[in-house]
Amino acid sequence: MTVQALRAATKAQNGVGAFILQCKRLDFHYCDWAGSSKGMNAFINTHLARFASANPSVELTVSPRPGKHPVIRGTYINGREKAVCVRNMTPHEILEKANYLRGASGEKLKRSGRAGRTVVRSQTESVRGIWSPFHGQQFKV
């Protein structure tokens, strides 16, 4: 492969050549004696080292929270945080939640219309035009 071909293959094109993970830190909080943290303690002992080696770009912190339910908190590069309570979950379910937080963007969830219904947006202007109280016949009071 020539140098010019290598440069053409590695040229960044609006993020196509490089992917920046939005999650920068995951905090795992647990309790040593509470029953709701049993799954989190097992996750920390069995799955956390493998999860950390598979995700080197994410900073992982583990800290105890005595007397509280276990929580995974994700911090993102846009400054937002997402927290998921993982009380009474199995280690496999906690791994799924950790993968969910790692892959999330940190943006707020956006509803699409009232009560979850989709809103139809048209690309063309209405036949009647845009309504305004200043158009048409003037009303006298």
Protein backbone atom coordinates (compact mmCIF):
# COMPACT_ATOMS: atom_id res chain seq x y z
CA MET A 1 0.00 0.00 0.00
CA THR A 2 1.39 3.42 -0.93
CA VAL A 3 1.60 6.39 1.39
CA GLN A 4 -1.07 8.27 -0.58
CA ALA A 5 -3.47 5.32 -0.39
CA LEU A 6 -2.86 5.05 3.35
CA ARG A 7 -3.58 8.76 3.85
CA ALA A 8 -6.78 8.48 1.80
CA ALA A 9 -7.93 5.49 3.85
CA THR A 10 -7.28 7.17 7.22
CA LYS A 11 -8.63 10.64 6.37
CA ALA A 12 -11.35 11.70 8.83
CA GLN A 13 -14.66 12.59 7.19
CA ASN A 14 -17.07 14.23 9.64
CA GLY A 15 -16.60 11.55 12.27
CA VAL A 16 -16.79 8.64 9.82
CA GLY A 17 -13.20 7.59 10.53
CA ALA A 18 -13.40 8.04 14.30
CA PHE A 19 -16.08 7.28 16.85
CA ILE A 20 -16.12 9.14 20.18
CA LEU A 21 -18.00 7.33 22.92
CA GLN A 22 -20.37 9.75 24.67
CA CYS A 23 -20.07 8.10 28.09
CA LYS A 24 -16.94 9.19 29.93
CA ARG A 25 -17.51 7.68 33.41
CA LEU A 26 -19.64 5.00 35.10
CA ASP A 27 -20.02 5.02 38.89
CA PHE A 28 -21.11 1.81 40.60
CA HIS A 29 -22.59 2.39 44.08
CA TYR A 30 -23.42 -0.54 46.36
CA CYS A 31 -24.04 -1.52 49.99
CA ASP A 32 -22.05 -4.26 51.74
CA TRP A 33 -24.81 -5.69 53.92
CA ALA A 34 -28.14 -4.83 52.25
CA GLY A 35 -29.98 -7.65 50.46
CA SER A 36 -30.87 -5.45 47.51
CA SER A 37 -27.14 -5.14 46.69
CA LYS A 38 -26.54 -8.89 46.48
CA GLY A 39 -26.58 -8.84 42.68
CA MET A 40 -24.35 -5.75 42.52
CA ASN A 41 -21.77 -7.36 44.84
CA ALA A 42 -21.74 -10.48 42.66
CA PHE A 43 -21.41 -8.31 39.53
CA ILE A 44 -18.43 -6.45 41.01
CA ASN A 45 -16.71 -9.71 41.94
CA THR A 46 -17.33 -11.57 38.67
CA HIS A 47 -18.10 -9.26 35.72
CA LEU A 48 -16.58 -5.85 36.46
CA ALA A 49 -12.97 -6.67 35.54
CA ARG A 50 -14.06 -8.07 32.17
CA PHE A 51 -16.34 -5.08 31.57
CA ALA A 52 -13.49 -2.67 32.39
CA SER A 53 -11.04 -4.37 30.05
CA ALA A 54 -13.62 -4.39 27.23
CA ASN A 55 -14.27 -0.62 27.68
CA PRO A 56 -10.91 1.12 28.22
CA SER A 57 -12.24 4.55 27.18
CA VAL A 58 -14.77 4.63 30.05
CA GLU A 59 -13.59 5.51 33.55
CA LEU A 60 -15.09 3.16 36.16
CA THR A 61 -15.42 3.98 39.85
CA VAL A 62 -16.78 1.69 42.56
CA SER A 63 -17.86 3.19 45.87
CA PRO A 64 -19.94 1.97 48.82
CA ARG A 65 -23.20 3.66 49.84
CA PRO A 66 -24.15 2.08 53.16
CA GLY A 67 -27.85 1.64 53.75
CA LYS A 68 -28.93 2.61 50.22
CA HIS A 69 -29.99 0.71 47.11
CA PRO A 70 -27.33 0.02 44.45
CA VAL A 71 -27.12 2.52 41.60
CA ILE A 72 -25.15 2.86 38.36
CA ARG A 73 -24.58 6.50 37.39
CA GLY A 74 -23.30 7.46 33.94
CA THR A 75 -21.58 10.79 33.24
CA TYR A 76 -21.46 11.99 29.63
CA ILE A 77 -19.31 14.43 27.66
CA ASN A 78 -22.22 16.87 27.27
CA GLY A 79 -22.28 17.31 31.08
CA ARG A 80 -25.45 15.32 31.78
CA GLU A 81 -25.85 12.33 34.08
CA LYS A 82 -28.14 9.31 33.97
CA ALA A 83 -28.70 7.07 36.97
CA VAL A 84 -30.27 3.60 37.01
CA CYS A 85 -31.32 1.84 40.21
CA VAL A 86 -30.33 -1.84 40.04
CA ARG A 87 -31.80 -3.14 43.30
CA ASN A 88 -32.59 -6.87 43.43
CA MET A 89 -31.19 -7.44 39.91
CA THR A 90 -29.03 -10.36 38.86
CA PRO A 91 -25.43 -9.76 37.73
CA HIS A 92 -26.45 -10.41 34.11
CA GLU A 93 -29.22 -7.76 34.30
CA ILE A 94 -26.76 -5.30 35.87
CA LEU A 95 -24.34 -5.95 33.00
CA GLU A 96 -27.14 -5.12 30.53
CA LYS A 97 -27.87 -1.85 32.38
CA ALA A 98 -24.16 -0.95 32.40
CA ASN A 99 -23.98 -1.58 28.64
CA TYR A 100 -27.11 0.53 28.18
CA LEU A 101 -25.58 3.48 30.07
CA ARG A 102 -22.26 3.08 28.25
CA GLY A 103 -23.99 3.24 24.86
CA ALA A 104 -26.38 6.08 25.70
CA SER A 105 -25.76 9.61 24.44
CA GLY A 106 -26.69 11.47 27.62
CA GLU A 107 -29.42 13.46 25.89
CA LYS A 108 -32.87 13.83 27.44
CA LEU A 109 -35.55 11.56 26.05
CA LYS A 110 -37.77 13.46 23.65
CA ARG A 111 -41.45 12.71 23.36
CA SER A 112 -42.91 12.66 19.90
CA GLY A 113 -46.22 14.46 20.25
CA ARG A 114 -48.95 14.46 22.84
CA ALA A 115 -49.37 11.28 24.87
CA GLY A 116 -46.83 9.44 22.77
CA ARG A 117 -48.67 9.97 19.48
CA THR A 118 -46.65 10.92 16.46
CA VAL A 119 -46.93 14.44 15.09
CA VAL A 120 -47.22 14.85 11.32
CA ARG A 121 -44.93 17.57 9.98
CA SER A 122 -45.41 18.72 6.39
CA GLN A 123 -42.66 19.91 4.06
CA THR A 124 -45.09 22.09 2.08
CA GLU A 125 -47.02 25.15 3.17
CA SER A 126 -50.76 24.99 3.80
CA VAL A 127 -53.21 25.91 1.04
CA ARG A 128 -54.80 28.51 3.29
CA GLY A 129 -51.49 29.95 4.42
CA ILE A 130 -50.45 30.80 7.94
CA TRP A 131 -53.26 32.02 10.23
CA SER A 132 -52.78 35.28 12.05
CA PRO A 133 -55.26 37.47 13.94
CA PHE A 134 -53.97 40.48 11.99
CA HIS A 135 -55.03 39.10 8.58
CA GLY A 136 -58.50 39.31 7.14
CA GLN A 137 -61.46 41.39 8.31
CA GLN A 138 -60.84 43.68 11.27
CA PHE A 139 -63.22 43.30 14.23
CA LYS A 140 -64.55 46.40 15.99
CA VAL A 141 -65.10 46.29 19.71
